[in-house]
């Protein structure tokens, strides 16, 4: 389960008005969306980027997706969010594209073997090389 600090979430929603919200705060369709949101808050808190820098990167990801045919219905918002997060992590030198791809595949492997409703746990064999 992902725990999100309400004050941090409120700060983010004020800085990034496009975040889907209801009267209680950010709204997520899937657990991974909340996890991506929480990771972004944590990296912001650690000073990896500013909210204006985040907004610019997210906006660029949304525009790129729209140019590629994304219908902009809101259903793909957190996919763009995750792409923006990956871009900033890579651009800032925290992890390169190869490392991000390695973890993507490891999570995919772990998710494939995990029964629905159970937590996904990474294991060493999830990290076999993908080229």
N, C-alpha and C. Protein backbone atom coordinates (compact mmCIF):
# COMPACT_ATOMS: atom_id res chain seq x y z
N UNK A 1 0.84 -1.17 0.00
CA UNK A 1 0.00 0.00 0.00
C UNK A 1 0.88 1.24 0.00
N UNK A 2 0.46 2.26 -0.72
CA UNK A 2 1.22 3.48 -0.83
C UNK A 2 0.63 4.53 0.10
N UNK A 3 1.49 5.09 0.94
CA UNK A 3 1.06 6.15 1.84
C UNK A 3 1.58 7.47 1.29
N UNK A 4 0.67 8.42 1.12
CA UNK A 4 1.04 9.72 0.58
C UNK A 4 0.76 10.78 1.64
N UNK A 5 1.76 11.57 1.95
CA UNK A 5 1.63 12.65 2.91
C UNK A 5 0.62 13.67 2.38
N UNK A 6 -0.47 13.89 3.10
CA UNK A 6 -1.50 14.81 2.60
C UNK A 6 -0.99 16.23 2.34
N UNK A 7 -0.09 16.74 3.18
CA UNK A 7 0.44 18.09 2.97
C UNK A 7 1.28 18.14 1.71
N UNK A 8 2.08 17.11 1.48
CA UNK A 8 2.89 17.05 0.26
C UNK A 8 2.00 16.94 -0.97
N UNK A 9 0.96 16.14 -0.88
CA UNK A 9 0.02 15.99 -2.00
C UNK A 9 -0.66 17.32 -2.30
N UNK A 10 -1.07 18.04 -1.25
CA UNK A 10 -1.72 19.33 -1.45
C UNK A 10 -0.76 20.31 -2.11
N UNK A 11 0.49 20.31 -1.68
CA UNK A 11 1.50 21.18 -2.29
C UNK A 11 1.67 20.86 -3.78
N UNK A 12 1.71 19.57 -4.08
CA UNK A 12 1.86 19.16 -5.49
C UNK A 12 0.66 19.57 -6.32
N UNK A 13 -0.55 19.40 -5.78
CA UNK A 13 -1.74 19.74 -6.56
C UNK A 13 -1.87 21.25 -6.76
N UNK A 14 -1.32 22.02 -5.85
CA UNK A 14 -1.31 23.47 -6.04
C UNK A 14 -0.29 23.87 -7.10
N UNK A 15 0.84 23.19 -7.12
CA UNK A 15 1.90 23.50 -8.08
C UNK A 15 1.59 22.97 -9.47
N UNK A 16 0.89 21.84 -9.55
CA UNK A 16 0.58 21.18 -10.82
C UNK A 16 -0.94 21.04 -10.91
N UNK A 17 -1.63 22.05 -11.43
CA UNK A 17 -3.10 22.03 -11.41
C UNK A 17 -3.73 20.94 -12.28
N UNK A 18 -2.98 20.29 -13.14
CA UNK A 18 -3.56 19.24 -14.00
C UNK A 18 -3.75 17.91 -13.28
N UNK A 19 -3.24 17.78 -12.04
CA UNK A 19 -3.37 16.52 -11.31
C UNK A 19 -4.85 16.22 -11.07
N UNK A 20 -5.32 15.03 -11.46
CA UNK A 20 -6.72 14.67 -11.22
C UNK A 20 -7.02 14.64 -9.71
N UNK A 21 -8.01 15.41 -9.29
CA UNK A 21 -8.34 15.53 -7.85
C UNK A 21 -9.84 15.50 -7.64
N UNK A 22 -10.19 15.17 -6.41
CA UNK A 22 -11.55 15.38 -5.94
C UNK A 22 -11.43 16.25 -4.69
N UNK A 23 -12.46 16.37 -3.91
CA UNK A 23 -12.43 17.24 -2.73
C UNK A 23 -11.44 16.78 -1.67
N UNK A 24 -11.02 15.52 -1.73
CA UNK A 24 -10.10 14.99 -0.73
C UNK A 24 -8.64 15.00 -1.19
N UNK A 25 -8.39 15.28 -2.46
CA UNK A 25 -7.02 15.30 -2.95
C UNK A 25 -6.87 14.52 -4.24
N UNK A 26 -5.65 14.10 -4.56
CA UNK A 26 -5.39 13.38 -5.81
C UNK A 26 -6.21 12.09 -5.92
N UNK A 27 -6.60 11.78 -7.15
CA UNK A 27 -7.40 10.59 -7.43
C UNK A 27 -6.60 9.69 -8.36
N UNK A 28 -6.58 8.39 -8.03
CA UNK A 28 -5.83 7.42 -8.82
C UNK A 28 -6.74 6.28 -9.24
N UNK A 29 -6.58 5.81 -10.48
CA UNK A 29 -7.37 4.69 -10.98
C UNK A 29 -6.78 3.35 -10.55
N UNK A 30 -5.45 3.30 -10.46
CA UNK A 30 -4.73 2.07 -10.17
C UNK A 30 -3.68 2.33 -9.10
N UNK A 31 -3.28 1.30 -8.35
CA UNK A 31 -2.24 1.48 -7.33
C UNK A 31 -0.92 2.02 -7.90
N UNK A 32 -0.55 1.60 -9.12
CA UNK A 32 0.72 2.05 -9.67
C UNK A 32 0.71 3.57 -9.88
N UNK A 33 -0.46 4.17 -10.12
CA UNK A 33 -0.52 5.61 -10.30
C UNK A 33 -0.19 6.32 -8.99
N UNK A 34 -0.73 5.83 -7.90
CA UNK A 34 -0.42 6.40 -6.58
C UNK A 34 1.06 6.21 -6.25
N UNK A 35 1.61 5.07 -6.64
CA UNK A 35 3.03 4.82 -6.39
C UNK A 35 3.91 5.77 -7.20
N UNK A 36 3.55 6.02 -8.46
CA UNK A 36 4.31 6.96 -9.28
C UNK A 36 4.21 8.37 -8.69
N UNK A 37 3.03 8.72 -8.22
CA UNK A 37 2.83 10.02 -7.58
C UNK A 37 3.70 10.14 -6.33
N UNK A 38 3.68 9.10 -5.50
CA UNK A 38 4.47 9.10 -4.26
C UNK A 38 5.96 9.17 -4.55
N UNK A 39 6.42 8.45 -5.57
CA UNK A 39 7.84 8.51 -5.93
C UNK A 39 8.22 9.93 -6.36
N UNK A 40 7.33 10.56 -7.10
CA UNK A 40 7.59 11.93 -7.55
C UNK A 40 7.69 12.87 -6.36
N UNK A 41 6.76 12.74 -5.41
CA UNK A 41 6.83 13.58 -4.20
C UNK A 41 8.13 13.36 -3.44
N UNK A 42 8.54 12.10 -3.33
CA UNK A 42 9.78 11.78 -2.59
C UNK A 42 10.99 12.40 -3.29
N UNK A 43 11.05 12.31 -4.61
CA UNK A 43 12.19 12.88 -5.33
C UNK A 43 12.17 14.40 -5.30
N UNK A 44 10.99 14.99 -5.33
CA UNK A 44 10.87 16.44 -5.18
C UNK A 44 11.38 16.85 -3.79
N UNK A 45 10.94 16.12 -2.75
CA UNK A 45 11.38 16.42 -1.38
C UNK A 45 12.89 16.32 -1.22
N UNK A 46 13.51 15.46 -2.01
CA UNK A 46 14.97 15.30 -1.95
C UNK A 46 15.71 16.31 -2.82
N UNK A 47 14.95 17.19 -3.49
CA UNK A 47 15.56 18.26 -4.26
C UNK A 47 16.00 17.87 -5.66
N UNK A 48 15.49 16.76 -6.18
CA UNK A 48 15.91 16.35 -7.53
C UNK A 48 15.42 17.33 -8.59
N UNK A 49 14.26 17.95 -8.37
CA UNK A 49 13.71 18.90 -9.32
C UNK A 49 12.78 19.86 -8.59
N UNK A 50 12.44 20.95 -9.26
CA UNK A 50 11.48 21.92 -8.73
C UNK A 50 10.11 21.62 -9.36
N UNK A 51 9.05 22.17 -8.78
CA UNK A 51 7.73 21.97 -9.38
C UNK A 51 7.64 22.60 -10.76
N UNK A 52 8.19 23.79 -11.00
CA UNK A 52 8.16 24.31 -12.37
C UNK A 52 8.90 23.40 -13.36
N UNK A 53 10.01 22.83 -12.94
CA UNK A 53 10.75 21.90 -13.80
C UNK A 53 9.91 20.65 -14.06
N UNK A 54 9.23 20.15 -13.01
CA UNK A 54 8.36 18.99 -13.18
C UNK A 54 7.23 19.30 -14.16
N UNK A 55 6.58 20.46 -13.96
CA UNK A 55 5.46 20.83 -14.82
C UNK A 55 5.90 20.94 -16.28
N UNK A 56 7.07 21.49 -16.51
CA UNK A 56 7.59 21.61 -17.88
C UNK A 56 7.84 20.22 -18.49
N UNK A 57 8.42 19.32 -17.72
CA UNK A 57 8.71 17.97 -18.22
C UNK A 57 7.42 17.20 -18.47
N UNK A 58 6.47 17.28 -17.54
CA UNK A 58 5.19 16.60 -17.72
C UNK A 58 4.45 17.16 -18.94
N UNK A 59 4.44 18.46 -19.08
CA UNK A 59 3.79 19.09 -20.23
C UNK A 59 4.40 18.61 -21.54
N UNK A 60 5.72 18.53 -21.58
CA UNK A 60 6.40 18.05 -22.79
C UNK A 60 6.02 16.60 -23.10
N UNK A 61 5.89 15.77 -22.06
CA UNK A 61 5.49 14.37 -22.26
C UNK A 61 4.06 14.28 -22.79
N UNK A 62 3.18 15.09 -22.26
CA UNK A 62 1.79 15.09 -22.72
C UNK A 62 1.71 15.56 -24.17
N UNK A 63 2.43 16.63 -24.50
CA UNK A 63 2.44 17.13 -25.88
C UNK A 63 3.02 16.09 -26.84
N UNK A 64 4.07 15.40 -26.41
CA UNK A 64 4.68 14.36 -27.25
C UNK A 64 3.67 13.24 -27.51
N UNK A 65 2.96 12.84 -26.47
CA UNK A 65 1.98 11.77 -26.61
C UNK A 65 0.81 12.21 -27.50
N UNK A 66 0.36 13.44 -27.33
CA UNK A 66 -0.73 13.93 -28.17
C UNK A 66 -0.31 13.99 -29.63
N UNK A 67 0.93 14.41 -29.88
CA UNK A 67 1.44 14.45 -31.25
C UNK A 67 1.50 13.05 -31.86
N UNK A 68 1.67 12.03 -30.99
CA UNK A 68 1.73 10.64 -31.46
C UNK A 68 0.34 9.99 -31.51
N UNK A 69 -0.72 10.78 -31.19
CA UNK A 69 -2.07 10.26 -31.32
C UNK A 69 -2.82 9.99 -30.03
N UNK A 70 -2.25 10.31 -28.88
CA UNK A 70 -2.96 10.12 -27.61
C UNK A 70 -4.23 10.98 -27.64
N UNK A 71 -5.38 10.38 -27.34
CA UNK A 71 -6.63 11.13 -27.43
C UNK A 71 -6.87 12.14 -26.31
N UNK A 72 -6.00 12.18 -25.31
CA UNK A 72 -6.11 13.14 -24.21
C UNK A 72 -7.46 13.08 -23.52
N UNK A 73 -7.87 11.87 -23.14
CA UNK A 73 -9.13 11.69 -22.42
C UNK A 73 -8.94 11.69 -20.91
N UNK A 74 -7.70 11.77 -20.46
CA UNK A 74 -7.40 11.73 -19.04
C UNK A 74 -7.02 10.35 -18.55
N UNK A 75 -7.37 9.33 -19.31
CA UNK A 75 -7.07 7.96 -18.89
C UNK A 75 -5.58 7.64 -18.92
N UNK A 76 -4.82 8.39 -19.69
CA UNK A 76 -3.38 8.12 -19.81
C UNK A 76 -2.52 9.13 -19.04
N UNK A 77 -3.16 9.97 -18.23
CA UNK A 77 -2.43 11.02 -17.52
C UNK A 77 -1.23 10.47 -16.75
N UNK A 78 -1.44 9.41 -15.98
CA UNK A 78 -0.34 8.91 -15.15
C UNK A 78 0.69 8.12 -15.96
N UNK A 79 0.35 7.70 -17.16
CA UNK A 79 1.39 7.14 -18.05
C UNK A 79 2.35 8.26 -18.44
N UNK A 80 1.78 9.43 -18.74
CA UNK A 80 2.62 10.59 -19.06
C UNK A 80 3.42 11.00 -17.83
N UNK A 81 2.78 10.92 -16.67
CA UNK A 81 3.43 11.25 -15.41
C UNK A 81 4.66 10.36 -15.21
N UNK A 82 4.45 9.06 -15.40
CA UNK A 82 5.55 8.10 -15.23
C UNK A 82 6.66 8.35 -16.26
N UNK A 83 6.30 8.65 -17.51
CA UNK A 83 7.30 8.97 -18.52
C UNK A 83 8.10 10.21 -18.13
N UNK A 84 7.42 11.21 -17.59
CA UNK A 84 8.11 12.42 -17.14
C UNK A 84 9.06 12.11 -15.98
N UNK A 85 8.61 11.27 -15.07
CA UNK A 85 9.45 10.88 -13.94
C UNK A 85 10.70 10.15 -14.44
N UNK A 86 10.51 9.21 -15.35
CA UNK A 86 11.65 8.48 -15.91
C UNK A 86 12.60 9.42 -16.64
N UNK A 87 12.06 10.38 -17.37
CA UNK A 87 12.91 11.33 -18.09
C UNK A 87 13.75 12.15 -17.12
N UNK A 88 13.13 12.67 -16.06
CA UNK A 88 13.88 13.48 -15.10
C UNK A 88 14.93 12.65 -14.37
N UNK A 89 14.57 11.44 -13.98
CA UNK A 89 15.53 10.57 -13.30
C UNK A 89 16.74 10.31 -14.21
N UNK A 90 16.47 10.09 -15.47
CA UNK A 90 17.55 9.85 -16.44
C UNK A 90 18.35 11.14 -16.69
N UNK A 91 17.65 12.25 -16.96
CA UNK A 91 18.32 13.52 -17.25
C UNK A 91 19.18 13.99 -16.08
N UNK A 92 18.74 13.70 -14.86
CA UNK A 92 19.48 14.13 -13.67
C UNK A 92 20.61 13.17 -13.29
N UNK A 93 20.72 12.07 -14.03
CA UNK A 93 21.80 11.13 -13.77
C UNK A 93 21.56 10.18 -12.62
N UNK A 94 20.32 10.08 -12.14
CA UNK A 94 20.01 9.17 -11.04
C UNK A 94 20.04 7.73 -11.53
N UNK A 95 19.50 7.51 -12.72
CA UNK A 95 19.51 6.18 -13.34
C UNK A 95 19.49 6.38 -14.85
N UNK A 96 20.27 5.58 -15.55
CA UNK A 96 20.27 5.70 -17.00
C UNK A 96 19.14 4.86 -17.61
N UNK A 97 18.95 5.03 -18.90
CA UNK A 97 17.86 4.34 -19.60
C UNK A 97 17.99 2.82 -19.47
N UNK A 98 19.20 2.31 -19.48
CA UNK A 98 19.41 0.86 -19.37
C UNK A 98 18.93 0.35 -17.99
N UNK A 99 19.24 1.10 -16.95
CA UNK A 99 18.81 0.72 -15.60
C UNK A 99 17.29 0.77 -15.49
N UNK A 100 16.70 1.84 -16.02
CA UNK A 100 15.24 1.95 -15.99
C UNK A 100 14.59 0.78 -16.73
N UNK A 101 15.14 0.43 -17.88
CA UNK A 101 14.60 -0.69 -18.65
C UNK A 101 14.74 -2.00 -17.86
N UNK A 102 15.88 -2.16 -17.20
CA UNK A 102 16.12 -3.38 -16.40
C UNK A 102 15.06 -3.51 -15.30
N UNK A 103 14.78 -2.42 -14.60
CA UNK A 103 13.76 -2.45 -13.55
C UNK A 103 12.36 -2.62 -14.12
N UNK A 104 12.08 -2.02 -15.27
CA UNK A 104 10.80 -2.21 -15.92
C UNK A 104 10.54 -3.69 -16.16
N UNK A 105 11.53 -4.36 -16.75
CA UNK A 105 11.38 -5.78 -17.04
C UNK A 105 11.31 -6.62 -15.76
N UNK A 106 12.07 -6.24 -14.74
CA UNK A 106 12.03 -6.97 -13.47
C UNK A 106 10.63 -6.88 -12.86
N UNK A 107 10.05 -5.69 -12.84
CA UNK A 107 8.69 -5.52 -12.31
C UNK A 107 7.69 -6.30 -13.15
N UNK A 108 7.88 -6.29 -14.46
CA UNK A 108 6.98 -7.04 -15.34
C UNK A 108 7.04 -8.53 -15.03
N UNK A 109 8.26 -9.06 -14.86
CA UNK A 109 8.44 -10.48 -14.51
C UNK A 109 7.76 -10.79 -13.18
N UNK A 110 7.99 -9.93 -12.19
CA UNK A 110 7.43 -10.17 -10.86
C UNK A 110 5.90 -10.08 -10.90
N UNK A 111 5.37 -9.12 -11.65
CA UNK A 111 3.92 -8.97 -11.74
C UNK A 111 3.28 -10.18 -12.41
N UNK A 112 3.96 -10.74 -13.41
CA UNK A 112 3.42 -11.90 -14.13
C UNK A 112 3.22 -13.10 -13.21
N UNK A 113 4.09 -13.26 -12.24
CA UNK A 113 3.99 -14.44 -11.37
C UNK A 113 3.20 -14.20 -10.09
N UNK A 114 2.82 -12.94 -9.85
CA UNK A 114 2.15 -12.58 -8.61
C UNK A 114 0.63 -12.71 -8.76
N UNK A 115 -0.01 -13.47 -7.87
CA UNK A 115 -1.47 -13.58 -7.93
C UNK A 115 -2.12 -12.21 -7.70
N UNK A 116 -3.24 -12.01 -8.37
CA UNK A 116 -3.99 -10.76 -8.24
C UNK A 116 -4.28 -10.47 -6.76
N UNK A 117 -4.04 -9.22 -6.37
CA UNK A 117 -4.34 -8.81 -5.01
C UNK A 117 -3.19 -9.00 -4.03
N UNK A 118 -2.14 -9.68 -4.46
CA UNK A 118 -0.97 -9.88 -3.60
C UNK A 118 0.08 -8.83 -3.94
N UNK A 119 0.92 -8.46 -2.97
CA UNK A 119 1.97 -7.49 -3.26
C UNK A 119 3.02 -8.08 -4.21
N UNK A 120 3.50 -7.24 -5.09
CA UNK A 120 4.56 -7.65 -6.01
C UNK A 120 5.89 -7.55 -5.28
N UNK A 121 6.65 -8.63 -5.32
CA UNK A 121 7.96 -8.65 -4.67
C UNK A 121 9.02 -8.99 -5.70
N UNK A 122 10.00 -8.12 -5.82
CA UNK A 122 11.12 -8.38 -6.73
C UNK A 122 12.05 -9.41 -6.12
N UNK A 123 12.54 -10.30 -6.97
CA UNK A 123 13.51 -11.30 -6.56
C UNK A 123 14.70 -11.22 -7.50
N UNK A 124 15.86 -11.69 -7.08
CA UNK A 124 17.06 -11.57 -7.92
C UNK A 124 16.87 -12.09 -9.35
N UNK A 125 16.13 -13.19 -9.52
CA UNK A 125 15.97 -13.74 -10.87
C UNK A 125 15.10 -12.85 -11.77
N UNK A 126 14.41 -11.86 -11.20
CA UNK A 126 13.64 -10.92 -12.02
C UNK A 126 14.54 -9.99 -12.81
N UNK A 127 15.79 -9.90 -12.40
CA UNK A 127 16.72 -8.95 -13.01
C UNK A 127 17.62 -9.56 -14.06
N UNK A 128 17.20 -10.65 -14.70
CA UNK A 128 18.06 -11.18 -15.75
C UNK A 128 18.15 -10.15 -16.85
N UNK A 129 19.25 -10.17 -17.59
CA UNK A 129 19.52 -9.14 -18.60
C UNK A 129 18.49 -9.14 -19.72
N UNK A 130 18.14 -7.91 -20.14
CA UNK A 130 17.27 -7.68 -21.29
C UNK A 130 17.98 -6.71 -22.20
N UNK A 131 18.23 -7.12 -23.38
CA UNK A 131 18.89 -6.20 -24.34
C UNK A 131 18.01 -5.83 -25.48
